[in-house]
Structure formats: C-alpha cells, structure tokens
Amino acid sequence: MKTVALALMLGVSPVPQVPPVEGVHRADAPVPEPMKRFAWRDEAAGYTFVAPPRWAGKVRVVPLTSEELSRCGAVSGVRFVEGAKTLLVLLSSEETRLHSLTSAGATEISRHGGHIVAVKVGTADDELALTDEELGSAIQWDGEAKGAASR
C-alpha cells in the first residue's frame, strides 16, 4: 500500500525539465587520431623502450623465440620490424650474462640495477633507423627521469 501511494505521489509531482545544452547531444564523435608515440615495455627488466614518433603506426614488435634467446644469452628480447625488414633487435639480461650478449654481436646501450639492455642494429640505411642519440635515449628505466640513461 505504501509503495502504491509513493508511486502515485512521484508520478503526480512535477519533475523540472532541464533543456539539453546546445550542441552536446548532436555533435559528431571525434575522429580518432593516429598513434603519436611508439613505446614498448619490458615488465621483467623494468624499462620502457621509446622510439621516435616516425615509428608510430609503422613498426611492429615480434617477440624472440626461446631458441633465439638461448643462442644469444638473453632473458628477454624483441625484434622491431617494418614489413620484412628488421630495424633492430632489443635484448635484455642480467649483468652476469653481458659477455654472452656481446659475443653474440649485441652492443650494450643501457644498464640499471643489475639489468642490461643490448641491441643488434638491423637495416641502418632506412628512414626508420635510429640515430645514435635516439638509441641512447630510447631506454627509460623505472624510477629515473625521462630520457636519463645509466651506462
């Protein structure tokens, strides 16, 4: 009975009508913008690889197989490719395995807290190839200032 009385009171009482704000309900959805930043994160090692904006939407990441990782002595690694071209291979390992990485042809680019990041450069004459400056500042370790690299 109380429910019926409450429903009748709510139905009878006037509800103020608020006119919609002009343009809000009839505006088109924003056009999606293309990706402006290329970043790949290695959770285990605690760093993010940030490439220049020209990589955004063009370069894809292919994880290395366990066989490829064991050959070079890395704990984790990825290949950055555009089409069929490998731009570079990024390898991560502990400091104790540095010799294995360098003997496999990789070059150390950064180290922090017992972890090392090394790189094998692929196609160097491509427009997407990284300069030495870009490669040097591409690794951002957790807890460090943006663009800072430990070597």
C-alpha atoms as a PDB file:
ATOM      1  CA  MET A   1       0.000   0.000   0.000  1.00  0.00           C
ATOM      2  CA  LYS A   2       2.799   2.387   0.894  1.00  0.00           C
ATOM      3  CA  THR A   3       4.540   1.545  -2.358  1.00  0.00           C
ATOM      4  CA  VAL A   4       1.426   2.389  -4.401  1.00  0.00           C
ATOM      5  CA  ALA A   5       0.998   5.693  -2.542  1.00  0.00           C
ATOM      6  CA  LEU A   6       4.656   6.594  -3.094  1.00  0.00           C
ATOM      7  CA  ALA A   7       4.440   5.744  -6.803  1.00  0.00           C
ATOM      8  CA  LEU A   8       1.322   7.915  -7.179  1.00  0.00           C
ATOM      9  CA  MET A   9       2.983  10.833  -5.394  1.00  0.00           C
ATOM     10  CA  LEU A  10       6.088  10.624  -7.535  1.00  0.00           C
ATOM     11  CA  GLY A  11       4.063  10.286 -10.706  1.00  0.00           C
ATOM     12  CA  VAL A  12       1.867  13.277  -9.878  1.00  0.00           C
ATOM     13  CA  SER A  13       4.586  15.635  -8.676  1.00  0.00           C
ATOM     14  CA  PRO A  14       6.054  17.716 -11.468  1.00  0.00           C
ATOM     15  CA  VAL A  15       9.665  16.948 -12.469  1.00  0.00           C
ATOM     16  CA  PRO A  16      11.528  20.026 -13.616  1.00  0.00           C
ATOM     17  CA  GLN A  17      12.519  19.839 -17.271  1.00  0.00           C
ATOM     18  CA  VAL A  18      16.101  20.902 -17.995  1.00  0.00           C
ATOM     19  CA  PRO A  19      16.717  21.739 -21.621  1.00  0.00           C
ATOM     20  CA  PRO A  20      19.761  19.990 -23.121  1.00  0.00           C
ATOM     21  CA  VAL A  21      22.857  22.066 -23.676  1.00  0.00           C
ATOM     22  CA  GLU A  22      23.025  23.156 -27.307  1.00  0.00           C
ATOM     23  CA  GLY A  23      25.315  21.045 -29.460  1.00  0.00           C
ATOM     24  CA  VAL A  24      26.237  18.479 -26.830  1.00  0.00           C
ATOM     25  CA  HIS A  25      23.744  15.816 -27.873  1.00  0.00           C
ATOM     26  CA  ARG A  26      24.056  16.360 -31.608  1.00  0.00           C
ATOM     27  CA  ALA A  27      27.821  16.654 -32.029  1.00  0.00           C
ATOM     28  CA  ASP A  28      29.670  14.046 -34.050  1.00  0.00           C
ATOM     29  CA  ALA A  29      32.130  11.802 -32.264  1.00  0.00           C
ATOM     30  CA  PRO A  30      35.733  12.987 -32.505  1.00  0.00           C
ATOM     31  CA  VAL A  31      37.822  11.475 -35.269  1.00  0.00           C
ATOM     32  CA  PRO A  32      40.367   9.018 -33.821  1.00  0.00           C
ATOM     33  CA  GLU A  33      43.901  10.336 -34.081  1.00  0.00           C
ATOM     34  CA  PRO A  34      46.712   8.073 -35.214  1.00  0.00           C
ATOM     35  CA  MET A  35      49.177   6.835 -32.615  1.00  0.00           C
ATOM     36  CA  LYS A  36      51.713   9.601 -31.956  1.00  0.00           C
ATOM     37  CA  ARG A  37      54.186   7.690 -29.767  1.00  0.00           C
ATOM     38  CA  PHE A  38      55.866   4.316 -30.094  1.00  0.00           C
ATOM     39  CA  ALA A  39      56.661   2.636 -26.789  1.00  0.00           C
ATOM     40  CA  TRP A  40      57.325  -0.982 -25.805  1.00  0.00           C
ATOM     41  CA  ARG A  41      57.535  -2.064 -22.151  1.00  0.00           C
ATOM     42  CA  ASP A  42      59.618  -4.865 -20.612  1.00  0.00           C
ATOM     43  CA  GLU A  43      57.956  -5.535 -17.247  1.00  0.00           C
ATOM     44  CA  ALA A  44      60.502  -8.110 -16.077  1.00  0.00           C
ATOM     45  CA  ALA A  45      63.532  -5.851 -16.542  1.00  0.00           C
ATOM     46  CA  GLY A  46      61.712  -2.657 -15.555  1.00  0.00           C
ATOM     47  CA  TYR A  47      62.216  -0.395 -18.559  1.00  0.00           C
ATOM     48  CA  THR A  48      60.341   1.115 -21.485  1.00  0.00           C
ATOM     49  CA  PHE A  49      61.758   1.479 -24.990  1.00  0.00           C
ATOM     50  CA  VAL A  50      60.522   4.718 -26.563  1.00  0.00           C
ATOM     51  CA  ALA A  51      61.199   5.241 -30.257  1.00  0.00           C
ATOM     52  CA  PRO A  52      60.734   8.481 -32.198  1.00  0.00           C
ATOM     53  CA  PRO A  53      57.247   9.374 -33.479  1.00  0.00           C
ATOM     54  CA  ARG A  54      58.128   8.281 -37.031  1.00  0.00           C
ATOM     55  CA  TRP A  55      57.877   4.652 -35.809  1.00  0.00           C
ATOM     56  CA  ALA A  56      54.264   5.067 -34.679  1.00  0.00           C
ATOM     57  CA  GLY A  57      51.885   3.038 -36.803  1.00  0.00           C
ATOM     58  CA  LYS A  58      54.696   1.634 -38.991  1.00  0.00           C
ATOM     59  CA  VAL A  59      56.811  -0.618 -36.777  1.00  0.00           C
ATOM     60  CA  ARG A  60      55.573  -3.760 -35.071  1.00  0.00           C
ATOM     61  CA  VAL A  61      57.101  -5.820 -32.279  1.00  0.00           C
ATOM     62  CA  VAL A  62      57.872  -9.532 -32.687  1.00  0.00           C
ATOM     63  CA  PRO A  63      58.983 -11.427 -29.551  1.00  0.00           C
ATOM     64  CA  LEU A  64      62.068 -13.614 -29.934  1.00  0.00           C
ATOM     65  CA  THR A  65      61.616 -17.355 -29.587  1.00  0.00           C
ATOM     66  CA  SER A  66      63.163 -19.199 -26.659  1.00  0.00           C
ATOM     67  CA  GLU A  67      65.678 -20.746 -29.079  1.00  0.00           C
ATOM     68  CA  GLU A  68      66.801 -17.299 -30.279  1.00  0.00           C
ATOM     69  CA  LEU A  69      67.091 -16.092 -26.680  1.00  0.00           C
ATOM     70  CA  SER A  70      69.188 -19.060 -25.590  1.00  0.00           C
ATOM     71  CA  ARG A  71      71.563 -18.577 -28.559  1.00  0.00           C
ATOM     72  CA  CYS A  72      72.411 -15.016 -27.521  1.00  0.00           C
ATOM     73  CA  GLY A  73      72.174 -15.439 -23.729  1.00  0.00           C
ATOM     74  CA  ALA A  74      69.304 -13.012 -23.207  1.00  0.00           C
ATOM     75  CA  VAL A  75      66.455 -13.354 -20.736  1.00  0.00           C
ATOM     76  CA  SER A  76      64.004 -11.459 -22.933  1.00  0.00           C
ATOM     77  CA  GLY A  77      64.105  -9.894 -26.351  1.00  0.00           C
ATOM     78  CA  VAL A  78      62.084  -8.495 -29.211  1.00  0.00           C
ATOM     79  CA  ARG A  79      62.573  -7.694 -32.850  1.00  0.00           C
ATOM     80  CA  PHE A  80      61.269  -4.388 -34.230  1.00  0.00           C
ATOM     81  CA  VAL A  81      60.226  -4.885 -37.838  1.00  0.00           C
ATOM     82  CA  GLU A  82      58.737  -2.877 -40.668  1.00  0.00           C
ATOM     83  CA  GLY A  83      57.316  -5.179 -43.308  1.00  0.00           C
ATOM     84  CA  ALA A  84      60.005  -7.824 -43.814  1.00  0.00           C
ATOM     85  CA  LYS A  85      62.896  -5.603 -42.617  1.00  0.00           C
ATOM     86  CA  THR A  86      64.313  -5.909 -39.115  1.00  0.00           C
ATOM     87  CA  LEU A  87      65.174  -2.443 -37.813  1.00  0.00           C
ATOM     88  CA  LEU A  88      66.759  -3.623 -34.581  1.00  0.00           C
ATOM     89  CA  VAL A  89      66.725  -6.410 -32.020  1.00  0.00           C
ATOM     90  CA  LEU A  90      66.468  -5.424 -28.357  1.00  0.00           C
ATOM     91  CA  LEU A  91      67.861  -7.886 -25.794  1.00  0.00           C
ATOM     92  CA  SER A  92      67.645  -7.791 -22.000  1.00  0.00           C
ATOM     93  CA  SER A  93      69.634  -9.802 -19.498  1.00  0.00           C
ATOM     94  CA  GLU A  94      71.407  -9.724 -16.141  1.00  0.00           C
ATOM     95  CA  GLU A  95      74.869  -8.194 -15.836  1.00  0.00           C
ATOM     96  CA  THR A  96      76.377 -11.668 -15.375  1.00  0.00           C
ATOM     97  CA  ARG A  97      75.443 -12.545 -18.967  1.00  0.00           C
ATOM     98  CA  LEU A  98      76.969  -9.466 -20.608  1.00  0.00           C
ATOM     99  CA  HIS A  99      79.733 -11.493 -22.221  1.00  0.00           C
ATOM    100  CA  SER A 100      77.181 -13.803 -23.867  1.00  0.00           C
ATOM    101  CA  LEU A 101      75.296 -10.846 -25.319  1.00  0.00           C
ATOM    102  CA  THR A 102      78.358  -9.078 -26.703  1.00  0.00           C
ATOM    103  CA  SER A 103      79.838 -12.277 -28.147  1.00  0.00           C
ATOM    104  CA  ALA A 104      76.525 -12.804 -29.998  1.00  0.00           C
ATOM    105  CA  GLY A 105      77.020  -9.427 -31.733  1.00  0.00           C
ATOM    106  CA  ALA A 106      74.914  -7.196 -29.488  1.00  0.00           C
ATOM    107  CA  THR A 107      76.025  -3.817 -28.173  1.00  0.00           C
ATOM    108  CA  GLU A 108      75.188  -2.663 -24.660  1.00  0.00           C
ATOM    109  CA  ILE A 109      73.148   0.541 -24.673  1.00  0.00           C
ATOM    110  CA  SER A 110      71.981   0.844 -21.054  1.00  0.00           C
ATOM    111  CA  ARG A 111      72.225  -0.759 -17.624  1.00  0.00           C
ATOM    112  CA  HIS A 112      70.423  -0.265 -14.339  1.00  0.00           C
ATOM    113  CA  GLY A 113      70.034  -2.250 -11.137  1.00  0.00           C
ATOM    114  CA  GLY A 114      71.711  -5.418 -12.404  1.00  0.00           C
ATOM    115  CA  HIS A 115      69.882  -5.429 -15.740  1.00  0.00           C
ATOM    116  CA  ILE A 116      71.457  -4.762 -19.122  1.00  0.00           C
ATOM    117  CA  VAL A 117      69.804  -3.796 -22.381  1.00  0.00           C
ATOM    118  CA  ALA A 118      71.707  -4.542 -25.559  1.00  0.00           C
ATOM    119  CA  VAL A 119      70.846  -4.003 -29.200  1.00  0.00           C
ATOM    120  CA  LYS A 120      71.619  -5.502 -32.574  1.00  0.00           C
ATOM    121  CA  VAL A 121      71.060  -2.940 -35.305  1.00  0.00           C
ATOM    122  CA  GLY A 122      69.350  -4.167 -38.460  1.00  0.00           C
ATOM    123  CA  THR A 123      68.731  -2.024 -41.528  1.00  0.00           C
ATOM    124  CA  ALA A 124      70.808   1.119 -40.965  1.00  0.00           C
ATOM    125  CA  ASP A 125      70.061   2.937 -44.233  1.00  0.00           C
ATOM    126  CA  ASP A 126      66.285   3.015 -43.761  1.00  0.00           C
ATOM    127  CA  GLU A 127      64.406   6.232 -42.886  1.00  0.00           C
ATOM    128  CA  LEU A 128      63.172   4.498 -39.719  1.00  0.00           C
ATOM    129  CA  ALA A 129      66.683   3.679 -38.489  1.00  0.00           C
ATOM    130  CA  LEU A 130      67.545   5.255 -35.150  1.00  0.00           C
ATOM    131  CA  THR A 131      70.399   7.713 -34.774  1.00  0.00           C
ATOM    132  CA  ASP A 132      72.938   7.163 -32.003  1.00  0.00           C
ATOM    133  CA  GLU A 133      71.278   9.947 -29.973  1.00  0.00           C
ATOM    134  CA  GLU A 134      67.818   8.429 -30.372  1.00  0.00           C
ATOM    135  CA  LEU A 135      69.094   4.985 -29.447  1.00  0.00           C
ATOM    136  CA  GLY A 136      70.926   6.349 -26.408  1.00  0.00           C
ATOM    137  CA  SER A 137      67.802   7.996 -25.014  1.00  0.00           C
ATOM    138  CA  ALA A 138      65.308   5.293 -26.041  1.00  0.00           C
ATOM    139  CA  ILE A 139      65.582   3.284 -22.802  1.00  0.00           C
ATOM    140  CA  GLN A 140      63.675   4.699 -19.827  1.00  0.00           C
ATOM    141  CA  TRP A 141      64.225   2.754 -16.611  1.00  0.00           C
ATOM    142  CA  ASP A 142      61.583   2.681 -13.905  1.00  0.00           C
ATOM    143  CA  GLY A 143      62.177   5.381 -11.312  1.00  0.00           C
ATOM    144  CA  GLU A 144      64.528   7.526 -13.406  1.00  0.00           C
ATOM    145  CA  ALA A 145      63.898  10.846 -15.074  1.00  0.00           C
ATOM    146  CA  LYS A 146      62.597  10.762 -18.633  1.00  0.00           C
ATOM    147  CA  GLY A 147      65.436  10.441 -21.107  1.00  0.00           C
ATOM    148  CA  ALA A 148      68.011   9.547 -18.441  1.00  0.00           C
ATOM    149  CA  ALA A 149      70.140   6.525 -19.192  1.00  0.00           C
ATOM    150  CA  SER A 150      72.553   4.647 -16.970  1.00  0.00           C
ATOM    151  CA  ARG A 151      75.595   3.287 -18.722  1.00  0.00           C
END
